[in-house]
Protein backbone atom coordinates (compact mmCIF):
# COMPACT_ATOMS: atom_id res chain seq x y z
CA MET A 1 166.18 59.42 -63.10
CA SER A 2 168.59 60.01 -65.73
CA VAL A 3 171.86 62.52 -65.14
CA LEU A 4 173.66 64.18 -67.70
CA VAL A 5 177.57 64.50 -68.13
CA LEU A 6 179.24 67.69 -69.73
CA VAL A 7 183.01 66.30 -71.21
CA GLU A 8 185.21 67.55 -72.83
CA PRO A 9 187.64 66.18 -75.09
CA GLY A 10 191.09 65.30 -74.32
CA GLU A 11 190.33 66.06 -70.15
CA GLU A 12 191.16 62.80 -68.07
CA LEU A 13 188.69 64.90 -65.39
CA SER A 14 185.31 64.40 -67.13
CA LEU A 15 186.13 60.67 -66.51
CA GLN A 16 186.44 61.20 -62.92
CA ALA A 17 183.30 63.66 -62.96
CA ILE A 18 181.36 60.78 -65.41
CA SER A 19 182.57 58.60 -62.01
CA LEU A 20 181.08 60.41 -59.28
CA ALA A 21 177.80 61.21 -61.86
CA ARG A 22 177.24 58.18 -61.61
CA ASP A 23 175.95 58.19 -57.92
CA LEU A 24 173.19 60.04 -58.73
CA GLY A 25 171.80 57.34 -60.57
CA GLY A 26 170.88 56.54 -64.55
CA PRO A 27 170.41 56.13 -66.99
CA LEU A 28 173.65 58.45 -68.40
CA HIS A 29 173.95 60.96 -70.70
CA ALA A 30 176.94 62.57 -72.06
CA LEU A 31 177.47 66.01 -74.00
CA SER A 32 180.76 66.62 -76.15
CA VAL A 33 181.15 69.59 -77.93
CA GLY A 34 182.07 69.66 -81.62
CA GLU A 35 183.71 66.09 -81.03
CA ALA A 36 182.48 63.11 -80.67
CA VAL A 37 185.03 61.30 -77.57
CA THR A 38 185.32 57.44 -77.68
CA GLY A 39 185.70 54.95 -74.73
CA LEU A 40 182.86 56.57 -72.52
CA GLY A 41 180.61 53.59 -72.69
CA ALA A 42 183.14 51.58 -70.62
CA TYR A 43 182.79 54.42 -67.66
CA GLY A 44 178.70 54.06 -67.85
CA VAL A 45 178.00 56.71 -70.19
CA GLU A 46 175.07 54.79 -72.29
CA THR A 47 174.37 58.00 -75.45
CA LEU A 48 177.13 60.39 -76.55
CA HIS A 49 175.11 63.45 -77.60
CA VAL A 50 177.64 65.18 -80.19
CA ALA A 51 176.68 68.93 -80.71
CA GLU A 52 177.44 70.48 -84.17
CA HIS A 53 177.60 73.85 -85.16
CA ASP A 54 179.59 75.99 -87.31
CA GLY A 55 179.49 78.29 -84.23
CA LEU A 56 181.55 75.91 -81.72
CA SER A 57 184.85 75.35 -83.79
CA ALA A 58 186.05 77.74 -81.33
CA TYR A 59 185.13 77.10 -77.12
CA ALA A 60 182.82 79.78 -76.30
CA PRO A 61 181.17 79.71 -72.57
CA ALA A 62 177.31 80.59 -73.30
CA ALA A 63 177.11 78.35 -76.43
CA TRP A 64 178.64 75.37 -74.33
CA ALA A 65 175.40 76.43 -71.94
CA ALA A 66 173.08 76.65 -74.68
CA CYS A 67 173.69 72.90 -75.98
CA LEU A 68 173.06 71.65 -72.59
CA GLU A 69 170.29 73.96 -71.83
CA GLN A 70 169.14 72.23 -75.54
CA LEU A 71 169.89 68.99 -74.31
CA ILE A 72 167.95 69.38 -70.67
CA ASP A 73 164.85 69.98 -72.38
CA GLN A 74 165.16 66.98 -74.53
CA VAL A 75 166.28 64.63 -72.19
CA ALA A 76 165.28 65.83 -68.99
CA PRO A 77 167.89 64.83 -66.43
CA ASP A 78 167.67 65.00 -62.66
CA ALA A 79 171.37 66.56 -62.68
CA VAL A 80 174.01 68.27 -65.02
CA VAL A 81 177.71 67.16 -64.00
CA ALA A 82 180.78 68.59 -65.06
CA ALA A 83 184.24 68.21 -63.84
CA GLY A 84 185.84 71.32 -62.41
CA THR A 85 187.71 72.74 -64.77
CA ASN A 86 188.04 76.13 -65.39
CA ARG A 87 185.87 75.92 -68.94
CA GLY A 88 183.89 73.14 -66.48
CA ASN A 89 182.75 75.59 -64.32
CA GLU A 90 182.71 78.64 -66.35
CA VAL A 91 179.63 76.76 -68.50
CA LEU A 92 177.69 75.22 -65.61
CA GLY A 93 178.15 78.83 -63.94
CA HIS A 94 176.48 80.43 -67.31
CA LEU A 95 173.62 77.55 -67.19
CA ALA A 96 172.98 77.84 -63.99
CA ALA A 97 172.02 82.16 -65.11
CA ARG A 98 170.32 80.93 -68.14
CA ARG A 99 167.98 78.66 -65.45
CA GLU A 100 168.36 80.88 -62.79
CA LEU A 101 169.45 77.57 -60.86
CA PRO A 102 171.74 76.92 -57.61
CA PHE A 103 174.95 75.33 -58.35
CA ALA A 104 177.36 73.49 -56.43
CA ALA A 105 181.08 73.45 -57.75
CA ASN A 106 184.10 71.37 -56.18
CA CYS A 107 182.01 68.82 -55.17
CA ILE A 108 183.80 65.16 -53.87
CA ALA A 109 180.62 63.36 -53.04
CA VAL A 110 176.42 63.10 -54.33
CA GLY A 111 173.94 61.48 -52.05
CA SER A 112 170.39 60.86 -53.75
CA ASP A 113 168.93 62.70 -51.17
CA GLY A 114 170.30 65.84 -52.83
CA THR A 115 172.93 66.51 -50.64
CA VAL A 116 176.83 66.76 -51.72
CA THR A 117 180.00 66.71 -50.10
CA ARG A 118 182.13 69.58 -51.48
CA VAL A 119 185.71 71.05 -51.02
CA ARG A 120 186.36 74.75 -49.55
CA TRP A 121 188.65 77.10 -48.58
CA GLY A 122 191.50 75.64 -50.87
CA GLY A 123 190.50 71.95 -49.58
CA SER A 124 190.95 73.02 -45.78
CA LEU A 125 186.95 72.73 -45.36
CA LEU A 126 184.56 69.68 -46.09
CA GLU A 127 181.24 71.08 -46.60
CA GLU A 128 178.39 68.98 -46.57
CA ALA A 129 174.85 71.07 -48.65
CA ARG A 130 171.78 70.60 -50.16
CA ILE A 131 170.98 71.65 -53.96
CA ASP A 132 167.45 72.81 -52.86
CA SER A 133 166.36 72.68 -56.67
CA ASP A 134 164.68 69.67 -59.38
CA LEU A 135 167.93 69.78 -61.41
CA LYS A 136 171.17 69.55 -59.55
CA LEU A 137 174.14 71.83 -61.28
CA LEU A 138 177.35 70.37 -59.84
CA THR A 139 181.12 70.11 -60.94
CA VAL A 140 183.92 67.77 -59.57
CA ALA A 141 187.05 68.71 -58.03
CA PRO A 142 189.79 67.68 -60.04
CA HIS A 143 191.81 64.36 -58.57
CA MET A 144 189.04 63.95 -55.73
CA VAL A 145 187.25 61.38 -57.13
CA GLU A 146 189.34 58.31 -59.11
CA ALA A 147 188.15 57.37 -62.56
CA THR A 148 186.73 54.11 -62.62
CA THR A 149 185.43 51.91 -65.36
CA LEU A 150 182.52 49.34 -64.89
CA ASN A 151 181.41 46.68 -67.78
CA GLY A 152 179.94 48.71 -69.95
CA GLY A 153 179.27 48.41 -74.09
CA GLU A 154 179.80 51.18 -76.45
CA ALA A 155 178.03 54.28 -75.95
CA THR A 156 175.26 55.15 -78.70
CA VAL A 157 176.60 58.31 -80.17
CA GLU A 158 173.47 60.87 -81.67
CA ARG A 159 173.75 64.24 -83.03
CA LEU A 160 172.19 67.41 -81.50
CA GLU A 161 171.92 70.12 -83.73
CA ALA A 162 172.76 73.21 -81.64
CA ALA A 163 170.10 75.66 -82.11
CA LEU A 164 172.80 79.34 -80.97
CA ASP A 165 171.83 82.49 -81.93
CA ASP A 166 174.57 85.78 -82.04
CA ALA A 167 174.17 85.89 -78.45
CA ASP A 168 175.60 82.73 -77.79
CA LEU A 169 178.72 83.19 -79.37
CA THR A 170 179.75 86.65 -78.61
CA VAL A 171 182.62 85.51 -76.12
CA ARG A 172 184.75 82.99 -77.43
CA VAL A 173 187.97 81.93 -77.93
CA VAL A 174 189.35 83.82 -80.93
CA GLU A 175 193.47 83.02 -80.68
CA HIS A 176 195.78 80.56 -78.42
CA ALA A 177 198.77 81.92 -77.35
CA GLU A 178 201.15 79.81 -76.46
CA THR A 179 203.69 79.49 -73.43
CA PRO A 180 207.10 78.41 -74.26
CA THR A 181 207.98 75.34 -72.76
CA ALA A 182 210.97 72.92 -72.45
CA GLY A 183 210.25 69.48 -70.89
CA VAL A 184 207.58 67.64 -69.55
CA SER A 185 204.28 69.74 -68.50
CA LEU A 186 203.15 70.25 -65.42
CA ALA A 187 200.08 69.46 -65.50
CA GLU A 188 201.13 65.97 -66.70
CA ALA A 189 204.02 65.57 -64.84
CA LYS A 190 204.56 62.01 -63.22
CA VAL A 191 206.93 64.23 -61.01
CA VAL A 192 206.92 67.50 -59.65
CA VAL A 193 210.06 69.37 -58.03
CA SER A 194 208.63 72.41 -56.53
CA GLY A 195 210.16 75.53 -54.93
CA GLY A 196 208.95 78.33 -53.12
CA ARG A 197 210.45 81.71 -50.96
CA GLY A 198 212.90 78.96 -49.12
CA VAL A 199 214.96 78.77 -52.60
CA GLY A 200 216.20 82.35 -52.24
CA SER A 201 216.10 83.31 -55.27
CA ALA A 202 216.02 83.42 -59.31
CA ASP A 203 218.74 81.36 -59.60
CA GLY A 204 218.34 78.79 -56.64
CA PHE A 205 216.39 77.29 -59.21
CA GLY A 206 219.02 76.17 -61.20
CA MET A 207 219.38 73.03 -58.70
CA LEU A 208 215.71 72.11 -58.34
CA GLU A 209 215.53 72.64 -62.84
CA GLU A 210 219.13 69.73 -62.44
CA LEU A 211 216.81 67.51 -60.20
CA ALA A 212 214.26 67.44 -62.13
CA GLY A 213 216.07 66.92 -65.31
CA LEU A 214 217.25 63.40 -63.54
CA LEU A 215 213.82 62.75 -62.47
CA ASN A 216 212.69 63.58 -66.24
CA ALA A 217 210.23 65.70 -63.66
CA ALA A 218 208.75 69.75 -63.92
CA VAL A 219 209.12 72.32 -62.25
CA GLY A 220 206.63 74.42 -60.15
CA CYS A 221 206.60 76.86 -57.25
CA SER A 222 204.54 78.54 -54.85
CA ARG A 223 202.42 81.90 -54.98
CA VAL A 224 205.64 84.17 -53.79
CA VAL A 225 208.10 83.15 -56.49
CA THR A 226 206.14 84.51 -58.87
CA MET A 227 204.88 87.29 -57.17
CA ALA A 228 208.64 87.89 -56.59
CA GLY A 229 209.01 87.37 -60.45
CA TRP A 230 211.54 84.56 -59.49
CA ARG A 231 208.91 82.52 -62.20
CA PRO A 232 206.53 82.55 -64.68
CA HIS A 233 202.78 82.29 -63.26
CA THR A 234 202.44 79.07 -65.85
CA ASP A 235 205.14 77.53 -63.28
CA GLN A 236 202.42 78.26 -60.32
CA VAL A 237 201.16 75.11 -58.67
CA GLY A 238 197.89 76.12 -56.24
CA GLN A 239 194.27 77.03 -55.76
CA THR A 240 194.96 80.20 -58.43
CA GLY A 241 197.59 78.21 -60.24
CA THR A 242 197.57 74.74 -61.68
CA LYS A 243 196.37 71.43 -59.84
CA VAL A 244 199.05 68.50 -60.16
CA ALA A 245 198.58 64.97 -59.37
CA PRO A 246 201.85 63.25 -60.17
CA ASP A 247 203.33 60.12 -58.05
CA LEU A 248 205.98 62.36 -56.65
CA TYR A 249 205.90 66.21 -55.31
CA ILE A 250 209.34 67.29 -53.65
CA ALA A 251 208.18 70.72 -52.47
CA CYS A 252 211.86 72.43 -51.78
CA GLY A 253 211.28 75.27 -49.57
CA ILE A 254 207.89 75.85 -49.33
CA SER A 255 205.83 76.28 -45.99
CA GLY A 256 202.18 75.04 -47.36
CA ALA A 257 199.70 77.56 -47.07
CA THR A 258 196.20 76.08 -47.47
CA GLN A 259 196.29 77.92 -51.46
CA HIS A 260 199.83 75.73 -52.40
CA ILE A 261 198.40 72.14 -50.40
CA ALA A 262 194.78 72.72 -52.34
CA GLY A 263 197.54 72.52 -55.77
CA CYS A 264 199.36 69.91 -54.60
CA LYS A 265 196.61 67.74 -53.05
CA GLY A 266 196.24 65.60 -55.29
CA ALA A 267 200.12 63.79 -55.36
CA LYS A 268 200.81 59.97 -54.33
CA LYS A 269 203.61 61.14 -51.79
CA ILE A 270 204.87 64.14 -51.07
CA LEU A 271 208.39 64.84 -50.15
CA ALA A 272 209.02 68.51 -48.53
CA ILE A 273 212.91 69.19 -47.69
CA ASN A 274 212.93 72.15 -45.39
CA SER A 275 214.62 73.95 -42.53
CA ASP A 276 212.01 74.52 -40.25
CA ALA A 277 210.38 71.67 -38.33
CA GLU A 278 207.35 73.70 -37.91
CA ALA A 279 206.31 74.70 -41.58
CA PRO A 280 202.02 73.78 -42.04
CA ILE A 281 203.40 71.13 -45.35
CA LEU A 282 204.80 69.16 -43.27
CA ALA A 283 201.26 68.37 -41.92
CA SER A 284 200.47 67.04 -45.38
CA ALA A 285 204.13 65.10 -46.37
CA ASP A 286 204.72 61.68 -46.48
CA TYR A 287 208.20 61.80 -46.28
CA ALA A 288 210.13 65.59 -44.36
CA VAL A 289 214.12 65.91 -44.51
CA ILE A 290 214.82 68.95 -42.51
CA GLY A 291 217.73 71.41 -43.24
CA ASP A 292 218.73 73.42 -46.10
CA LEU A 293 217.91 72.92 -49.04
CA ALA A 294 220.62 74.19 -50.67
CA GLU A 295 222.67 70.90 -49.06
CA ILE A 296 220.15 68.61 -49.07
CA VAL A 297 218.67 68.84 -53.20
CA PRO A 298 223.16 69.10 -54.71
CA ALA A 299 222.91 66.09 -52.58
CA ILE A 300 220.33 64.02 -53.69
CA THR A 301 221.35 65.12 -57.69
CA ALA A 302 225.06 63.67 -56.99
CA GLU A 303 223.33 60.44 -55.28
CA LEU A 304 221.10 59.90 -58.47
CA ARG A 305 224.33 60.77 -60.75
CA LYS A 306 226.18 58.40 -58.59
CA ALA A 307 223.48 55.63 -59.07
CA ARG A 308 223.08 55.66 -62.80
CA SER A 309 227.11 55.65 -63.27
C-alpha cells in the first residue's frame, strides 16, 4: 500500500495533509508542481516527485490534476491526499472527474477500512463515511490535524516529466492582482481582532484597529460586515472567507454564526466581547466579557498603553 500527497510550496496546510496521510499507511509519495519542497522527509515522505513542464510556470488546475493522474499510473497509490485549500480541493475535484471517482473533502481522520471522518455544515457536524473506491481521494480540513514530524531522513527527489495537452492549460492563472494591505496578514497573524455587526459602523472599526496595532494583530470581520460595505471581503473570517488559526482570536460584537465559527475554530484561544449574554459565540469562547464593546475595547487599549508606558 502506498499514498500520494499533493503538496503546495510554502503551504503549511500541506504538512497537515501529510500527517493525516501517514494514517493510511506507506510508503508515502509526494508531488510538487514546478519546484521541490524541502524538509518533507522529516514528515514521513520517502519520495518527492517534482513535475516539470513549461506550461506549469503558472497555476493550472487541470494540468496539476493531469500530473497527479500520470503519477498515479506510475506508483499505483491506494489514496491521493491534498490540503483542504482552494487549490487542493480544486485539483482533486478535477482528478475525481477525470477518473470518475468519489472525492471526500474536509477530512479530519481516516481509517484503514476506508472510512473517513469529515467536517460538514461549517464545522457544526462531523460525518463518518466510507469511500467506496479502490483509489481514495480526499482533502484535509485546514487546522484540524496537527503537522507532526517523524525521525525520517531526506526524501528522495525524482523528476516527473509532465505529459500535458492544450486542454490541460486552457484554464490557468495569467495575472496576480495584489490587494493593498497594511500590517499583519490575516491568515498568518498570531492575534486577530475581529468585528461584527455589534461594532455599529465602518468608523467603529477604528477602535479595533487601535487595539490591533498594540497587539501586532490583524483586523478581521464577519460576513455581515462585508455585506454592509464596512470592510473588504479580504478581511472576512469564515467559511466563505479566510480560515484563521491564531494564538488569540478577539471577537468583538460577533454573534457567532456557524459559518463564522468555521473560520476561527482553529484559534488556540477565543475571547468574545459581546453585549448579548446569549450570543452563540460564547459557546465556543474560552473567555467572555459581557458588555458594551465601545467601552470595553478602549478600556483594554488604555490598560495596554499604561502597561507599556
